[in-house]
Amino acid sequence: MKMCMFMQNALTRLLRLPLISVALVEGKALGGGSELTTACDFRLMATDSEIRFVHKHMGLVPGWGGGARLVRIVGSQNALKLLGGAQKVDPAYGERIGLSDGTVDPQEGAALEAAEQWLSGFTKGPAPVIRAVKKVVVSGRELPLEDALRTEREVFGTVWGGPANLEALAHKAKHK
């Protein structure tokens, strides 16, 4: 139980980091590895990789929060299939059910480079704005609606009129 609590806390902290994270699966992410993938904002898979929640075969269920996060990522029906059937998730199946956000080429270290390129589409820009985006998403995912709306309003107030906002306004013709 201590390991369970430790891992739940560690993976929850990972999910709540004020940055956008991606799990790059090269090879097999089984059991705890599959749970780790659910604690990232995005998951990319190399063409020859798999994610598999094998807990059932070990007489277990996920204990690090991977089951609860999986339901939020793929829905309850798909989570039942993955957990109850210990189904192998290849990149195509992963994309179809929403567990994977894309497939990258594993050749000669190209997977990491491709993952970095893919992720840059979401992380390029001023760090305070990226952190604000992540905070709004985390609050929307975890808080009751009224609390999430309050958080969004407060976060908006931290970037409105800030350096990134003013620079964007100065460089966008439609805002002049």
N, C-alpha and C. Protein backbone atom coordinates (compact mmCIF):
# COMPACT_ATOMS: atom_id res chain seq x y z
N MET A 1 0.82 -1.20 0.00
CA MET A 1 0.00 0.00 0.00
C MET A 1 0.86 1.27 0.00
N LYS A 2 2.01 1.20 0.69
CA LYS A 2 2.90 2.36 0.70
C LYS A 2 3.44 2.64 -0.71
N MET A 3 3.81 1.56 -1.43
CA MET A 3 4.28 1.74 -2.81
C MET A 3 3.17 2.33 -3.67
N CYS A 4 1.95 1.85 -3.47
CA CYS A 4 0.80 2.34 -4.23
C CYS A 4 0.62 3.85 -4.01
N MET A 5 0.62 4.26 -2.77
CA MET A 5 0.45 5.68 -2.45
C MET A 5 1.60 6.51 -3.01
N PHE A 6 2.81 6.00 -2.86
CA PHE A 6 3.97 6.72 -3.38
C PHE A 6 3.85 6.92 -4.89
N MET A 7 3.51 5.85 -5.61
CA MET A 7 3.42 5.93 -7.07
C MET A 7 2.23 6.77 -7.51
N GLN A 8 1.10 6.65 -6.83
CA GLN A 8 -0.03 7.51 -7.17
C GLN A 8 0.35 8.98 -7.02
N ASN A 9 1.01 9.31 -5.92
CA ASN A 9 1.42 10.69 -5.69
C ASN A 9 2.44 11.15 -6.72
N ALA A 10 3.42 10.30 -7.03
CA ALA A 10 4.45 10.67 -7.99
C ALA A 10 3.84 10.90 -9.38
N LEU A 11 2.97 10.00 -9.82
CA LEU A 11 2.38 10.13 -11.15
C LEU A 11 1.38 11.27 -11.21
N THR A 12 0.68 11.54 -10.12
CA THR A 12 -0.22 12.69 -10.09
C THR A 12 0.57 13.99 -10.17
N ARG A 13 1.71 14.03 -9.48
CA ARG A 13 2.57 15.23 -9.58
C ARG A 13 3.07 15.41 -11.00
N LEU A 14 3.43 14.31 -11.66
CA LEU A 14 3.86 14.39 -13.06
C LEU A 14 2.75 14.97 -13.92
N LEU A 15 1.53 14.49 -13.75
CA LEU A 15 0.40 14.96 -14.55
C LEU A 15 0.10 16.44 -14.31
N ARG A 16 0.36 16.90 -13.09
CA ARG A 16 0.04 18.29 -12.74
C ARG A 16 1.20 19.26 -12.94
N LEU A 17 2.33 18.78 -13.43
CA LEU A 17 3.45 19.69 -13.68
C LEU A 17 3.00 20.83 -14.57
N PRO A 18 3.55 22.02 -14.37
CA PRO A 18 3.14 23.17 -15.18
C PRO A 18 3.82 23.19 -16.55
N LEU A 19 3.93 22.02 -17.15
CA LEU A 19 4.48 21.90 -18.49
C LEU A 19 3.72 20.81 -19.21
N ILE A 20 3.87 20.76 -20.50
CA ILE A 20 3.17 19.75 -21.29
C ILE A 20 4.11 18.57 -21.47
N SER A 21 3.62 17.38 -21.12
CA SER A 21 4.46 16.18 -21.16
C SER A 21 3.99 15.21 -22.22
N VAL A 22 4.94 14.40 -22.70
CA VAL A 22 4.61 13.36 -23.66
C VAL A 22 5.37 12.09 -23.27
N ALA A 23 4.67 10.97 -23.33
CA ALA A 23 5.32 9.66 -23.14
C ALA A 23 5.62 9.14 -24.54
N LEU A 24 6.87 8.83 -24.79
CA LEU A 24 7.27 8.21 -26.05
C LEU A 24 7.48 6.74 -25.77
N VAL A 25 6.63 5.89 -26.32
CA VAL A 25 6.71 4.46 -26.09
C VAL A 25 7.50 3.83 -27.22
N GLU A 26 8.68 3.33 -26.86
CA GLU A 26 9.50 2.55 -27.78
C GLU A 26 9.65 1.18 -27.13
N GLY A 27 9.20 0.15 -27.80
CA GLY A 27 9.21 -1.17 -27.20
C GLY A 27 7.89 -1.41 -26.50
N LYS A 28 7.95 -1.97 -25.28
CA LYS A 28 6.74 -2.35 -24.58
C LYS A 28 6.58 -1.54 -23.29
N ALA A 29 5.39 -0.99 -23.11
CA ALA A 29 5.01 -0.35 -21.85
C ALA A 29 3.96 -1.27 -21.22
N LEU A 30 4.40 -2.10 -20.29
CA LEU A 30 3.54 -3.10 -19.67
C LEU A 30 3.34 -2.79 -18.20
N GLY A 31 2.16 -3.11 -17.68
CA GLY A 31 1.91 -2.94 -16.25
C GLY A 31 2.16 -1.52 -15.78
N GLY A 32 3.14 -1.37 -14.90
CA GLY A 32 3.48 -0.04 -14.39
C GLY A 32 3.88 0.92 -15.50
N GLY A 33 4.52 0.42 -16.54
CA GLY A 33 4.89 1.27 -17.67
C GLY A 33 3.67 1.81 -18.38
N SER A 34 2.64 0.99 -18.49
CA SER A 34 1.40 1.46 -19.12
C SER A 34 0.73 2.52 -18.24
N GLU A 35 0.81 2.32 -16.93
CA GLU A 35 0.24 3.32 -16.01
C GLU A 35 0.99 4.64 -16.12
N LEU A 36 2.30 4.57 -16.25
CA LEU A 36 3.11 5.78 -16.40
C LEU A 36 2.66 6.58 -17.63
N THR A 37 2.34 5.91 -18.72
CA THR A 37 1.92 6.64 -19.93
C THR A 37 0.66 7.46 -19.69
N THR A 38 -0.22 6.98 -18.79
CA THR A 38 -1.46 7.71 -18.54
C THR A 38 -1.25 8.98 -17.74
N ALA A 39 -0.07 9.13 -17.14
CA ALA A 39 0.23 10.31 -16.35
C ALA A 39 0.84 11.43 -17.18
N CYS A 40 0.97 11.21 -18.49
CA CYS A 40 1.48 12.24 -19.39
C CYS A 40 0.32 12.85 -20.16
N ASP A 41 0.52 14.07 -20.63
CA ASP A 41 -0.53 14.76 -21.37
C ASP A 41 -0.78 14.11 -22.73
N PHE A 42 0.28 13.62 -23.33
CA PHE A 42 0.19 12.97 -24.64
C PHE A 42 0.98 11.68 -24.61
N ARG A 43 0.64 10.79 -25.53
CA ARG A 43 1.37 9.54 -25.72
C ARG A 43 1.64 9.36 -27.20
N LEU A 44 2.90 9.13 -27.54
CA LEU A 44 3.31 8.79 -28.90
C LEU A 44 3.89 7.40 -28.86
N MET A 45 3.68 6.65 -29.93
CA MET A 45 4.18 5.28 -29.98
C MET A 45 5.05 5.08 -31.22
N ALA A 46 6.17 4.40 -31.03
CA ALA A 46 6.98 3.99 -32.18
C ALA A 46 6.21 2.90 -32.91
N THR A 47 6.49 2.75 -34.19
CA THR A 47 5.71 1.83 -35.02
C THR A 47 5.71 0.40 -34.51
N ASP A 48 6.74 -0.02 -33.82
CA ASP A 48 6.83 -1.41 -33.36
C ASP A 48 6.58 -1.54 -31.85
N SER A 49 5.89 -0.59 -31.25
CA SER A 49 5.71 -0.59 -29.80
C SER A 49 4.32 -1.09 -29.41
N GLU A 50 4.15 -1.29 -28.10
CA GLU A 50 2.85 -1.67 -27.58
C GLU A 50 2.68 -1.15 -26.16
N ILE A 51 1.44 -0.90 -25.81
CA ILE A 51 1.04 -0.57 -24.44
C ILE A 51 0.09 -1.68 -24.03
N ARG A 52 0.30 -2.18 -22.82
CA ARG A 52 -0.58 -3.27 -22.38
C ARG A 52 -0.72 -3.25 -20.86
N PHE A 53 -1.95 -3.22 -20.42
CA PHE A 53 -2.28 -3.26 -19.00
C PHE A 53 -2.42 -4.73 -18.62
N VAL A 54 -1.31 -5.34 -18.20
CA VAL A 54 -1.25 -6.78 -17.95
C VAL A 54 -1.60 -7.15 -16.50
N HIS A 55 -2.07 -6.21 -15.75
CA HIS A 55 -2.34 -6.41 -14.32
C HIS A 55 -3.20 -7.65 -14.06
N LYS A 56 -4.24 -7.85 -14.90
CA LYS A 56 -5.15 -8.98 -14.71
C LYS A 56 -4.39 -10.30 -14.71
N HIS A 57 -3.41 -10.42 -15.58
CA HIS A 57 -2.63 -11.66 -15.67
C HIS A 57 -1.78 -11.89 -14.42
N MET A 58 -1.61 -10.85 -13.64
CA MET A 58 -0.84 -10.95 -12.40
C MET A 58 -1.76 -11.03 -11.19
N GLY A 59 -3.08 -11.15 -11.45
CA GLY A 59 -4.04 -11.20 -10.35
C GLY A 59 -4.23 -9.86 -9.68
N LEU A 60 -4.03 -8.77 -10.44
CA LEU A 60 -4.07 -7.41 -9.89
C LEU A 60 -4.96 -6.51 -10.74
N VAL A 61 -5.11 -5.31 -10.28
CA VAL A 61 -5.65 -4.20 -11.05
C VAL A 61 -4.62 -3.09 -10.96
N PRO A 62 -4.69 -2.08 -11.82
CA PRO A 62 -3.75 -0.97 -11.67
C PRO A 62 -3.88 -0.38 -10.27
N GLY A 63 -2.76 0.04 -9.72
CA GLY A 63 -2.76 0.60 -8.38
C GLY A 63 -2.09 1.96 -8.29
N TRP A 64 -1.51 2.39 -9.41
CA TRP A 64 -0.78 3.65 -9.40
C TRP A 64 -1.62 4.80 -9.97
N GLY A 65 -2.92 4.57 -10.14
CA GLY A 65 -3.81 5.58 -10.70
C GLY A 65 -4.04 5.40 -12.19
N GLY A 66 -3.40 4.42 -12.79
CA GLY A 66 -3.52 4.21 -14.23
C GLY A 66 -4.92 3.82 -14.67
N GLY A 67 -5.66 3.11 -13.82
CA GLY A 67 -7.02 2.73 -14.17
C GLY A 67 -7.94 3.93 -14.23
N ALA A 68 -7.87 4.77 -13.21
CA ALA A 68 -8.71 5.97 -13.17
C ALA A 68 -8.36 6.93 -14.31
N ARG A 69 -7.07 7.10 -14.56
CA ARG A 69 -6.66 8.00 -15.65
C ARG A 69 -7.04 7.41 -17.00
N LEU A 70 -6.93 6.08 -17.14
CA LEU A 70 -7.28 5.42 -18.40
C LEU A 70 -8.74 5.67 -18.76
N VAL A 71 -9.64 5.58 -17.79
CA VAL A 71 -11.06 5.84 -18.05
C VAL A 71 -11.25 7.25 -18.61
N ARG A 72 -10.52 8.22 -18.07
CA ARG A 72 -10.65 9.60 -18.54
C ARG A 72 -10.06 9.79 -19.93
N ILE A 73 -9.09 8.97 -20.29
CA ILE A 73 -8.44 9.10 -21.59
C ILE A 73 -9.24 8.39 -22.69
N VAL A 74 -9.68 7.15 -22.42
CA VAL A 74 -10.30 6.34 -23.50
C VAL A 74 -11.77 6.04 -23.25
N GLY A 75 -12.32 6.44 -22.12
CA GLY A 75 -13.71 6.13 -21.80
C GLY A 75 -13.82 4.80 -21.07
N SER A 76 -14.95 4.61 -20.39
CA SER A 76 -15.10 3.42 -19.55
C SER A 76 -15.17 2.12 -20.35
N GLN A 77 -15.82 2.12 -21.50
CA GLN A 77 -15.93 0.88 -22.26
C GLN A 77 -14.58 0.41 -22.77
N ASN A 78 -13.80 1.32 -23.34
CA ASN A 78 -12.46 0.95 -23.80
C ASN A 78 -11.55 0.58 -22.63
N ALA A 79 -11.70 1.27 -21.51
CA ALA A 79 -10.89 0.93 -20.33
C ALA A 79 -11.21 -0.49 -19.86
N LEU A 80 -12.49 -0.86 -19.87
CA LEU A 80 -12.86 -2.22 -19.50
C LEU A 80 -12.22 -3.24 -20.43
N LYS A 81 -12.19 -2.94 -21.71
CA LYS A 81 -11.57 -3.85 -22.67
C LYS A 81 -10.07 -3.99 -22.40
N LEU A 82 -9.42 -2.85 -22.18
CA LEU A 82 -7.97 -2.88 -21.98
C LEU A 82 -7.60 -3.54 -20.66
N LEU A 83 -8.34 -3.25 -19.60
CA LEU A 83 -8.03 -3.81 -18.29
C LEU A 83 -8.55 -5.24 -18.14
N GLY A 84 -9.79 -5.47 -18.55
CA GLY A 84 -10.41 -6.78 -18.40
C GLY A 84 -9.87 -7.81 -19.37
N GLY A 85 -9.46 -7.36 -20.55
CA GLY A 85 -8.94 -8.28 -21.55
C GLY A 85 -7.44 -8.26 -21.67
N ALA A 86 -6.80 -7.38 -20.92
CA ALA A 86 -5.34 -7.21 -21.03
C ALA A 86 -4.93 -7.11 -22.49
N GLN A 87 -5.72 -6.34 -23.25
CA GLN A 87 -5.50 -6.23 -24.69
C GLN A 87 -4.20 -5.51 -25.03
N LYS A 88 -3.56 -6.03 -26.04
CA LYS A 88 -2.36 -5.39 -26.58
C LYS A 88 -2.80 -4.18 -27.40
N VAL A 89 -2.18 -3.04 -27.11
CA VAL A 89 -2.48 -1.81 -27.85
C VAL A 89 -1.29 -1.50 -28.74
N ASP A 90 -1.47 -1.68 -30.04
CA ASP A 90 -0.44 -1.28 -30.99
C ASP A 90 -0.73 0.16 -31.40
N PRO A 91 0.14 0.81 -32.16
CA PRO A 91 -0.07 2.22 -32.48
C PRO A 91 -1.41 2.52 -33.17
N ALA A 92 -1.82 1.68 -34.10
CA ALA A 92 -3.07 1.94 -34.82
C ALA A 92 -4.27 1.86 -33.87
N TYR A 93 -4.32 0.82 -33.06
CA TYR A 93 -5.42 0.66 -32.10
C TYR A 93 -5.38 1.80 -31.08
N GLY A 94 -4.18 2.14 -30.63
CA GLY A 94 -4.04 3.23 -29.68
C GLY A 94 -4.59 4.54 -30.20
N GLU A 95 -4.31 4.85 -31.45
CA GLU A 95 -4.84 6.08 -32.04
C GLU A 95 -6.36 6.00 -32.20
N ARG A 96 -6.85 4.84 -32.58
CA ARG A 96 -8.29 4.66 -32.80
C ARG A 96 -9.08 4.91 -31.51
N ILE A 97 -8.58 4.47 -30.37
CA ILE A 97 -9.33 4.63 -29.11
C ILE A 97 -8.91 5.87 -28.32
N GLY A 98 -7.89 6.58 -28.79
CA GLY A 98 -7.47 7.81 -28.12
C GLY A 98 -6.39 7.63 -27.08
N LEU A 99 -5.81 6.43 -26.98
CA LEU A 99 -4.72 6.23 -26.03
C LEU A 99 -3.40 6.76 -26.59
N SER A 100 -3.26 6.74 -27.89
CA SER A 100 -2.05 7.27 -28.55
C SER A 100 -2.42 8.49 -29.37
N ASP A 101 -1.54 9.45 -29.37
CA ASP A 101 -1.76 10.68 -30.13
C ASP A 101 -1.03 10.69 -31.46
N GLY A 102 -0.24 9.66 -31.72
CA GLY A 102 0.47 9.60 -32.99
C GLY A 102 1.51 8.50 -32.98
N THR A 103 2.02 8.22 -34.16
CA THR A 103 3.03 7.18 -34.34
C THR A 103 4.28 7.82 -34.92
N VAL A 104 5.42 7.41 -34.40
CA VAL A 104 6.70 7.94 -34.87
C VAL A 104 7.60 6.80 -35.33
N ASP A 105 8.56 7.12 -36.19
CA ASP A 105 9.49 6.14 -36.75
C ASP A 105 10.61 5.86 -35.76
N PRO A 106 10.84 4.59 -35.43
CA PRO A 106 11.87 4.27 -34.44
C PRO A 106 13.29 4.15 -35.01
N GLN A 107 13.48 4.39 -36.28
CA GLN A 107 14.78 4.15 -36.91
C GLN A 107 15.84 5.14 -36.46
N GLU A 108 16.98 4.61 -36.04
CA GLU A 108 18.20 5.38 -35.73
C GLU A 108 17.95 6.61 -34.86
N GLY A 109 17.23 6.44 -33.79
CA GLY A 109 16.99 7.56 -32.89
C GLY A 109 16.00 8.58 -33.42
N ALA A 110 15.39 8.28 -34.56
CA ALA A 110 14.46 9.23 -35.16
C ALA A 110 13.18 9.39 -34.35
N ALA A 111 12.85 8.40 -33.53
CA ALA A 111 11.61 8.47 -32.76
C ALA A 111 11.64 9.65 -31.78
N LEU A 112 12.74 9.80 -31.06
CA LEU A 112 12.84 10.90 -30.10
C LEU A 112 12.81 12.25 -30.82
N GLU A 113 13.51 12.35 -31.91
CA GLU A 113 13.52 13.59 -32.70
C GLU A 113 12.12 13.90 -33.22
N ALA A 114 11.43 12.89 -33.72
CA ALA A 114 10.06 13.08 -34.22
C ALA A 114 9.12 13.47 -33.09
N ALA A 115 9.29 12.87 -31.92
CA ALA A 115 8.46 13.20 -30.77
C ALA A 115 8.70 14.65 -30.34
N GLU A 116 9.94 15.07 -30.32
CA GLU A 116 10.26 16.45 -29.96
C GLU A 116 9.64 17.42 -30.96
N GLN A 117 9.73 17.09 -32.23
CA GLN A 117 9.14 17.93 -33.27
C GLN A 117 7.62 18.01 -33.10
N TRP A 118 6.99 16.87 -32.86
CA TRP A 118 5.54 16.80 -32.67
C TRP A 118 5.13 17.64 -31.47
N LEU A 119 5.83 17.48 -30.36
CA LEU A 119 5.49 18.18 -29.13
C LEU A 119 5.71 19.68 -29.25
N SER A 120 6.66 20.10 -30.07
CA SER A 120 6.95 21.53 -30.19
C SER A 120 5.75 22.31 -30.71
N GLY A 121 4.85 21.64 -31.42
CA GLY A 121 3.64 22.31 -31.88
C GLY A 121 2.75 22.78 -30.73
N PHE A 122 2.92 22.18 -29.57
CA PHE A 122 2.11 22.52 -28.40
C PHE A 122 2.89 23.30 -27.35
N THR A 123 4.21 23.28 -27.45
CA THR A 123 5.03 23.91 -26.42
C THR A 123 5.75 25.16 -26.90
N LYS A 124 5.67 25.43 -28.20
CA LYS A 124 6.33 26.63 -28.73
C LYS A 124 5.57 27.86 -28.26
N GLY A 125 6.29 28.83 -27.77
CA GLY A 125 5.66 30.06 -27.31
C GLY A 125 6.18 30.44 -25.94
N PRO A 126 5.69 31.55 -25.42
CA PRO A 126 6.16 32.04 -24.12
C PRO A 126 5.82 31.05 -23.00
N ALA A 127 6.80 30.74 -22.17
CA ALA A 127 6.63 29.78 -21.09
C ALA A 127 5.47 30.15 -20.16
N PRO A 128 5.29 31.42 -19.80
CA PRO A 128 4.16 31.74 -18.90
C PRO A 128 2.80 31.39 -19.52
N VAL A 129 2.69 31.51 -20.82
CA VAL A 129 1.43 31.19 -21.49
C VAL A 129 1.23 29.67 -21.53
N ILE A 130 2.29 28.92 -21.80
CA ILE A 130 2.20 27.45 -21.81
C ILE A 130 1.82 26.96 -20.41
N ARG A 131 2.44 27.51 -19.38
CA ARG A 131 2.09 27.13 -18.01
C ARG A 131 0.64 27.48 -17.70
N ALA A 132 0.18 28.64 -18.18
CA ALA A 132 -1.20 29.05 -17.94
C ALA A 132 -2.17 28.10 -18.65
N VAL A 133 -1.85 27.72 -19.88
CA VAL A 133 -2.69 26.76 -20.61
C VAL A 133 -2.79 25.46 -19.83
N LYS A 134 -1.67 24.95 -19.36
CA LYS A 134 -1.66 23.69 -18.62
C LYS A 134 -2.49 23.82 -17.34
N LYS A 135 -2.38 24.92 -16.65
CA LYS A 135 -3.14 25.11 -15.41
C LYS A 135 -4.64 25.13 -15.68
N VAL A 136 -5.06 25.77 -16.75
CA VAL A 136 -6.48 25.82 -17.11
C VAL A 136 -6.98 24.41 -17.45
N VAL A 137 -6.18 23.65 -18.18
CA VAL A 137 -6.59 22.29 -18.54
C VAL A 137 -6.66 21.39 -17.31
N VAL A 138 -5.67 21.46 -16.44
CA VAL A 138 -5.67 20.63 -15.22
C VAL A 138 -6.88 20.97 -14.36
N SER A 139 -7.17 22.25 -14.19
CA SER A 139 -8.32 22.62 -13.37
C SER A 139 -9.62 22.17 -14.01
N GLY A 140 -9.72 22.27 -15.33
CA GLY A 140 -10.91 21.80 -16.03
C GLY A 140 -11.11 20.30 -15.90
N ARG A 141 -10.02 19.57 -15.85
CA ARG A 141 -10.09 18.12 -15.73
C ARG A 141 -10.40 17.68 -14.30
N GLU A 142 -9.88 18.39 -13.31
CA GLU A 142 -9.92 17.89 -11.94
C GLU A 142 -10.91 18.58 -11.01
N LEU A 143 -11.32 19.79 -11.32
CA LEU A 143 -12.15 20.55 -10.39
C LEU A 143 -13.61 20.57 -10.82
N PRO A 144 -14.51 20.78 -9.86
CA PRO A 144 -15.91 21.03 -10.23
C PRO A 144 -15.98 22.28 -11.12
N LEU A 145 -17.00 22.36 -11.95
CA LEU A 145 -17.08 23.43 -12.95
C LEU A 145 -16.91 24.82 -12.37
N GLU A 146 -17.59 25.15 -11.30
CA GLU A 146 -17.48 26.50 -10.73
C GLU A 146 -16.05 26.82 -10.30
N ASP A 147 -15.38 25.85 -9.70
CA ASP A 147 -13.99 26.05 -9.29
C ASP A 147 -13.07 26.18 -10.50
N ALA A 148 -13.34 25.38 -11.52
CA ALA A 148 -12.53 25.45 -12.74
C ALA A 148 -12.71 26.79 -13.44
N LEU A 149 -13.94 27.29 -13.45
CA LEU A 149 -14.20 28.60 -14.06
C LEU A 149 -13.47 29.71 -13.29
N ARG A 150 -13.49 29.62 -11.97
CA ARG A 150 -12.78 30.61 -11.14
C ARG A 150 -11.28 30.56 -11.43
N THR A 151 -10.73 29.34 -11.48
CA THR A 151 -9.30 29.19 -11.78
C THR A 151 -8.98 29.75 -13.15
N GLU A 152 -9.82 29.46 -14.13
CA GLU A 152 -9.57 29.97 -15.48
C GLU A 152 -9.57 31.50 -15.49
N ARG A 153 -10.51 32.09 -14.78
CA ARG A 153 -10.58 33.56 -14.70
C ARG A 153 -9.32 34.12 -14.05
N GLU A 154 -8.87 33.47 -12.97
CA GLU A 154 -7.66 33.93 -12.28
C GLU A 154 -6.42 33.78 -13.16
N VAL A 155 -6.32 32.67 -13.86
CA VAL A 155 -5.17 32.45 -14.74
C VAL A 155 -5.20 33.45 -15.90
N PHE A 156 -6.38 33.70 -16.45
CA PHE A 156 -6.53 34.70 -17.51
C PHE A 156 -5.98 36.05 -17.05
N GLY A 157 -6.29 36.40 -15.81
CA GLY A 157 -5.81 37.67 -15.26
C GLY A 157 -4.30 37.75 -15.15
N THR A 158 -3.61 36.61 -15.11
CA THR A 158 -2.15 36.64 -15.01
C THR A 158 -1.48 36.88 -16.36
N VAL A 159 -2.19 36.62 -17.45
CA VAL A 159 -1.58 36.80 -18.77
C VAL A 159 -2.14 38.00 -19.54
N TRP A 160 -3.36 38.44 -19.20
CA TRP A 160 -3.97 39.60 -19.85
C TRP A 160 -3.11 40.83 -19.60
N GLY A 161 -2.70 41.48 -20.66
CA GLY A 161 -1.87 42.66 -20.54
C GLY A 161 -0.42 42.37 -20.21
N GLY A 162 -0.08 41.09 -20.16
CA GLY A 162 1.30 40.69 -19.88
C GLY A 162 2.17 40.81 -21.12
N PRO A 163 3.46 40.57 -20.98
CA PRO A 163 4.40 40.73 -22.09
C PRO A 163 4.01 39.93 -23.34
N ALA A 164 3.61 38.68 -23.19
CA ALA A 164 3.25 37.87 -24.36
C ALA A 164 2.00 38.40 -25.03
N ASN A 165 1.03 38.84 -24.25
CA ASN A 165 -0.21 39.39 -24.79
C ASN A 165 0.07 40.69 -25.55
N LEU A 166 0.86 41.57 -24.95
CA LEU A 166 1.16 42.85 -25.60
C LEU A 166 1.99 42.65 -26.87
N GLU A 167 2.93 41.73 -26.83
CA GLU A 167 3.73 41.45 -28.02
C GLU A 167 2.87 40.87 -29.13
N ALA A 168 1.98 39.97 -28.79
CA ALA A 168 1.08 39.39 -29.79
C ALA A 168 0.19 40.45 -30.41
N LEU A 169 -0.33 41.35 -29.60
CA LEU A 169 -1.17 42.42 -30.11
C LEU A 169 -0.40 43.35 -31.03
N ALA A 170 0.86 43.60 -30.69
CA ALA A 170 1.69 44.51 -31.51
C ALA A 170 2.03 43.91 -32.86
N HIS A 171 2.09 42.57 -32.95
CA HIS A 171 2.52 41.93 -34.18
C HIS A 171 1.39 41.37 -35.02
N LYS A 172 0.17 41.43 -34.55
CA LYS A 172 -0.97 40.90 -35.30
C LYS A 172 -1.75 42.05 -35.88
N ALA A 173 -1.76 42.13 -37.21
CA ALA A 173 -2.43 43.24 -37.90
C ALA A 173 -3.91 43.32 -37.54
N LYS A 174 -4.60 42.19 -37.40
CA LYS A 174 -6.03 42.23 -37.14
C LYS A 174 -6.35 42.79 -35.75
N HIS A 175 -5.37 42.85 -34.86
CA HIS A 175 -5.59 43.37 -33.51
C HIS A 175 -5.26 44.86 -33.41
N LYS A 176 -4.79 45.45 -34.47
CA LYS A 176 -4.40 46.87 -34.42
C LYS A 176 -5.59 47.77 -34.65
